[in-house]
Amino acid sequence: MPKKRSRVVFLLIIVLVIIIILAVIILANLGTQSAQMVAGVKEGDVFTYALEGLWESNDPNATISDNLLQLNMTEWFRVTITNVSNPEISIHTVWRFKNGTEIEANGKVDIETGISSGGFWAIYAANLRANDYARPNGPDRSTINETSTKEYASGTRETNLRSLVLRYYDANDPTYSTTWTEYMNTHFDRQTGILVELRDISVYTNPEMTITLVWTIKDTNVWTIT
């Protein structure tokens, strides 16, 4: 009887040790990722983008959406950082069109979850590296694919790439034949976490067409672009 009890106690100790080791590993990983979730932008930073929409189709049933036409009437889209309180960043956006009209909005971006408002979402934490979670507390578990360098007039800057492939279907189509696949490549500055280039390609099956959305940074007061 004592031997059996000793064996049970020994097994319980082993299980307890394993649980403690796993807990330490998990907490260490969470701590490391959490420590990285620091904003790289600051109040007063300004980023201006060129926007472009491309449409391609040989399907006679396909039409260009008003949203895409509006996108191509853009003169520039400007994002100003108004406040930083980790993990939440407050922004003011101005969408200026070629006819001189503007749409202004105030919003926020949470760099941990990716939840945003105000028409702009592409701000990430500073100093993320390949294989880090882009949004550790967000709805998906996507990671940074790679870090590369990009040349600007002011010198070389490190840029992170987040590449996603997303598939959708139209729930109102009982045949499930209306589908589309989205290929999204988001390049953002590693130091500030701000978007520098976005290429979002959506391929639709019914009607058949391809829509490409492109955002490119054209000016900022943080570094020299041209």
Protein backbone atom coordinates (compact mmCIF):
# COMPACT_ATOMS: atom_id res chain seq x y z
CA MET A 1 0.00 0.00 0.00
CA PRO A 2 2.74 2.54 0.83
CA LYS A 3 4.45 1.77 -2.50
CA LYS A 4 1.24 2.44 -4.42
CA ARG A 5 0.71 5.71 -2.57
CA SER A 6 4.30 6.77 -3.24
CA ARG A 7 3.85 6.02 -6.92
CA VAL A 8 0.69 8.16 -7.07
CA VAL A 9 2.43 11.03 -5.28
CA PHE A 10 5.39 10.73 -7.67
CA LEU A 11 3.06 10.90 -10.71
CA LEU A 12 1.24 13.90 -9.27
CA ILE A 13 4.56 15.68 -8.77
CA ILE A 14 5.56 14.97 -12.40
CA VAL A 15 2.22 16.32 -13.69
CA LEU A 16 2.57 19.41 -11.51
CA VAL A 17 6.10 20.05 -12.78
CA ILE A 18 4.94 19.70 -16.40
CA ILE A 19 2.08 22.16 -15.79
CA ILE A 20 4.46 24.67 -14.20
CA ILE A 21 6.92 24.38 -17.11
CA LEU A 22 4.16 24.87 -19.69
CA ALA A 23 2.79 27.85 -17.78
CA VAL A 24 6.22 29.47 -17.64
CA ILE A 25 6.71 28.96 -21.40
CA ILE A 26 3.29 30.39 -22.23
CA LEU A 27 3.72 33.39 -19.92
CA ALA A 28 7.19 34.04 -21.30
CA ASN A 29 5.89 34.03 -24.87
CA LEU A 30 2.98 36.27 -23.97
CA GLY A 31 5.28 38.60 -22.11
CA THR A 32 7.64 38.86 -25.04
CA GLN A 33 4.86 39.58 -27.53
CA SER A 34 3.15 42.00 -25.13
CA ALA A 35 6.38 43.92 -24.63
CA GLN A 36 6.56 44.44 -28.38
CA MET A 37 3.12 46.06 -28.55
CA VAL A 38 4.41 49.62 -28.25
CA ALA A 39 3.38 52.39 -30.61
CA GLY A 40 6.08 53.77 -32.88
CA VAL A 41 4.12 56.82 -33.96
CA LYS A 42 3.72 59.94 -31.81
CA GLU A 43 1.36 62.88 -31.60
CA GLY A 44 1.87 65.25 -34.51
CA ASP A 45 3.10 62.62 -36.98
CA VAL A 46 1.50 63.07 -40.40
CA PHE A 47 1.29 60.53 -43.23
CA THR A 48 -0.16 61.24 -46.68
CA TYR A 49 -1.14 58.56 -49.20
CA ALA A 50 -1.96 58.20 -52.88
CA LEU A 51 -4.95 55.92 -53.54
CA GLU A 52 -5.69 53.98 -56.71
CA GLY A 53 -8.26 51.44 -57.80
CA LEU A 54 -7.85 49.06 -60.77
CA TRP A 55 -10.65 47.05 -62.40
CA GLU A 56 -10.35 44.23 -64.91
CA SER A 57 -13.01 42.00 -66.44
CA ASN A 58 -14.17 40.36 -69.68
CA ASP A 59 -17.55 39.48 -68.18
CA PRO A 60 -20.41 41.52 -69.74
CA ASN A 61 -22.32 41.29 -66.44
CA ALA A 62 -19.53 42.94 -64.45
CA THR A 63 -19.74 46.63 -63.57
CA ILE A 64 -17.42 49.09 -61.85
CA SER A 65 -18.64 50.07 -58.39
CA ASP A 66 -19.17 53.68 -57.33
CA ASN A 67 -16.69 53.13 -54.49
CA LEU A 68 -13.94 52.28 -56.95
CA LEU A 69 -14.74 55.33 -59.07
CA GLN A 70 -14.64 57.50 -55.95
CA LEU A 71 -11.28 56.05 -55.00
CA ASN A 72 -9.81 57.14 -58.31
CA MET A 73 -11.08 60.70 -57.76
CA THR A 74 -8.75 60.97 -54.74
CA GLU A 75 -6.09 63.67 -54.64
CA TRP A 76 -4.67 62.40 -51.34
CA PHE A 77 -5.59 60.76 -48.04
CA ARG A 78 -3.91 62.16 -44.92
CA VAL A 79 -3.58 60.61 -41.47
CA THR A 80 -2.53 62.74 -38.49
CA ILE A 81 -1.70 61.16 -35.12
CA THR A 82 -3.54 63.17 -32.45
CA ASN A 83 -2.84 61.07 -29.36
CA VAL A 84 -1.00 57.91 -28.33
CA SER A 85 -2.06 55.90 -25.30
CA ASN A 86 -0.80 52.35 -25.74
CA PRO A 87 -2.29 50.30 -27.24
CA GLU A 88 -4.78 52.88 -28.56
CA ILE A 89 -3.82 55.52 -31.13
CA SER A 90 -6.12 58.45 -31.92
CA ILE A 91 -6.10 59.80 -35.47
CA HIS A 92 -7.61 62.53 -37.62
CA THR A 93 -8.08 61.73 -41.31
CA VAL A 94 -8.71 63.99 -44.30
CA TRP A 95 -9.76 62.47 -47.62
CA ARG A 96 -9.29 65.11 -50.32
CA PHE A 97 -10.73 64.71 -53.82
CA LYS A 98 -9.58 66.22 -57.12
CA ASN A 99 -12.62 68.51 -57.19
CA GLY A 100 -11.48 70.16 -53.95
CA THR A 101 -14.00 68.55 -51.59
CA GLU A 102 -12.81 66.86 -48.40
CA ILE A 103 -14.13 64.29 -45.95
CA GLU A 104 -12.76 64.57 -42.41
CA ALA A 105 -13.07 62.06 -39.60
CA ASN A 106 -11.68 61.27 -36.18
CA GLY A 107 -10.87 57.70 -35.30
CA LYS A 108 -8.80 55.25 -33.29
CA VAL A 109 -6.62 52.23 -33.96
CA ASP A 110 -5.84 49.58 -31.36
CA ILE A 111 -2.45 48.12 -32.27
CA GLU A 112 -3.10 44.94 -30.22
CA THR A 113 -6.52 44.01 -31.66
CA GLY A 114 -6.59 45.89 -34.97
CA ILE A 115 -10.02 47.35 -34.09
CA SER A 116 -10.30 50.75 -35.75
CA SER A 117 -12.61 53.59 -36.68
CA GLY A 118 -12.33 56.73 -38.80
CA GLY A 119 -11.55 55.06 -42.11
CA PHE A 120 -7.97 53.98 -41.43
CA TRP A 121 -6.70 50.83 -39.73
CA ALA A 122 -3.12 50.25 -40.91
CA ILE A 123 -1.04 51.15 -37.86
CA TYR A 124 0.92 48.39 -36.15
CA ALA A 125 3.22 48.16 -33.15
CA ALA A 126 6.82 49.30 -33.50
CA ASN A 127 9.75 46.94 -34.03
CA LEU A 128 7.83 43.80 -34.95
CA ARG A 129 9.86 41.03 -36.54
CA ALA A 130 9.22 38.06 -38.81
CA ASN A 131 6.93 35.47 -37.15
CA ASP A 132 5.64 37.97 -34.55
CA TYR A 133 1.86 38.23 -34.31
CA ALA A 134 0.68 41.31 -36.20
CA ARG A 135 -2.31 41.67 -33.82
CA PRO A 136 -1.75 39.42 -30.77
CA ASN A 137 -5.24 40.06 -29.38
CA GLY A 138 -7.00 40.30 -32.74
CA PRO A 139 -9.52 37.95 -34.36
CA ASP A 140 -6.91 36.22 -36.52
CA ARG A 141 -3.49 34.80 -35.68
CA SER A 142 -1.61 36.10 -38.70
CA THR A 143 2.07 36.84 -38.34
CA ILE A 144 4.66 39.06 -39.96
CA ASN A 145 6.02 37.28 -43.04
CA GLU A 146 9.31 39.05 -43.47
CA THR A 147 11.36 42.19 -42.88
CA SER A 148 13.13 43.87 -45.78
CA THR A 149 14.68 47.25 -46.56
CA LYS A 150 13.23 50.07 -48.64
CA GLU A 151 15.13 53.02 -50.04
CA TYR A 152 13.90 56.58 -49.50
CA ALA A 153 15.51 59.97 -50.11
CA SER A 154 16.40 60.16 -46.42
CA GLY A 155 17.98 56.69 -46.44
CA THR A 156 17.14 53.04 -45.89
CA ARG A 157 14.27 51.98 -43.66
CA GLU A 158 13.18 48.51 -42.54
CA THR A 159 9.75 47.45 -43.73
CA ASN A 160 7.59 44.58 -42.49
CA LEU A 161 5.31 42.52 -44.74
CA ARG A 162 2.02 40.99 -43.67
CA SER A 163 0.58 38.80 -46.42
CA LEU A 164 -2.93 37.31 -46.22
CA VAL A 165 -5.11 35.18 -48.47
CA LEU A 166 -8.80 35.33 -47.52
CA ARG A 167 -11.68 33.46 -49.13
CA TYR A 168 -15.35 34.50 -49.02
CA TYR A 169 -18.71 33.42 -50.42
CA ASP A 170 -22.05 35.18 -50.78
CA ALA A 171 -24.39 33.80 -48.13
CA ASN A 172 -27.37 34.98 -50.21
CA ASP A 173 -26.42 32.64 -53.05
CA PRO A 174 -27.85 29.15 -52.28
CA THR A 175 -25.57 27.59 -54.90
CA TYR A 176 -22.44 28.96 -53.15
CA SER A 177 -21.06 29.77 -56.60
CA THR A 178 -20.57 33.47 -55.83
CA THR A 179 -17.15 33.55 -54.24
CA TRP A 180 -14.12 35.78 -54.14
CA THR A 181 -10.56 35.49 -52.96
CA GLU A 182 -8.64 38.41 -51.48
CA TYR A 183 -4.86 38.64 -51.67
CA MET A 184 -3.68 41.37 -49.30
CA ASN A 185 -0.05 42.46 -49.00
CA THR A 186 0.52 45.13 -46.36
CA HIS A 187 3.95 46.74 -46.09
CA PHE A 188 4.52 48.90 -43.02
CA ASP A 189 7.47 50.77 -41.60
CA ARG A 190 9.08 48.70 -38.86
CA GLN A 191 10.12 51.66 -36.70
CA THR A 192 6.80 53.52 -36.67
CA GLY A 193 4.40 50.69 -37.56
CA ILE A 194 2.69 52.91 -40.15
CA LEU A 195 1.50 51.72 -43.54
CA VAL A 196 3.82 52.47 -46.47
CA GLU A 197 2.16 50.37 -49.18
CA LEU A 198 -0.95 48.24 -49.51
CA ARG A 199 -1.88 46.10 -52.51
CA ASP A 200 -5.23 44.37 -52.09
CA ILE A 201 -6.33 42.14 -55.00
CA SER A 202 -9.84 40.62 -54.96
CA VAL A 203 -10.72 38.00 -57.58
CA TYR A 204 -14.50 37.46 -58.03
CA THR A 205 -16.22 34.50 -59.71
CA ASN A 206 -19.75 35.77 -60.29
CA PRO A 207 -19.49 38.00 -62.21
CA GLU A 208 -15.86 37.38 -63.09
CA MET A 209 -13.67 40.40 -62.35
CA THR A 210 -10.54 41.47 -60.51
CA ILE A 211 -10.37 44.58 -58.33
CA THR A 212 -7.05 45.91 -57.06
CA LEU A 213 -6.76 48.59 -54.36
CA VAL A 214 -3.41 50.34 -53.92
CA TRP A 215 -2.29 52.67 -51.12
CA THR A 216 1.17 54.23 -51.37
CA ILE A 217 2.77 56.68 -48.96
CA LYS A 218 3.74 59.91 -50.74
CA ASP A 219 4.69 62.26 -47.89
CA THR A 220 5.36 62.36 -44.15
CA ASN A 221 7.04 64.61 -41.59
CA VAL A 222 8.80 61.61 -40.02
CA TRP A 223 11.22 60.85 -42.87
CA THR A 224 11.80 62.10 -46.43
CA ILE A 225 9.93 60.11 -49.06
CA THR A 226 10.93 61.67 -52.40
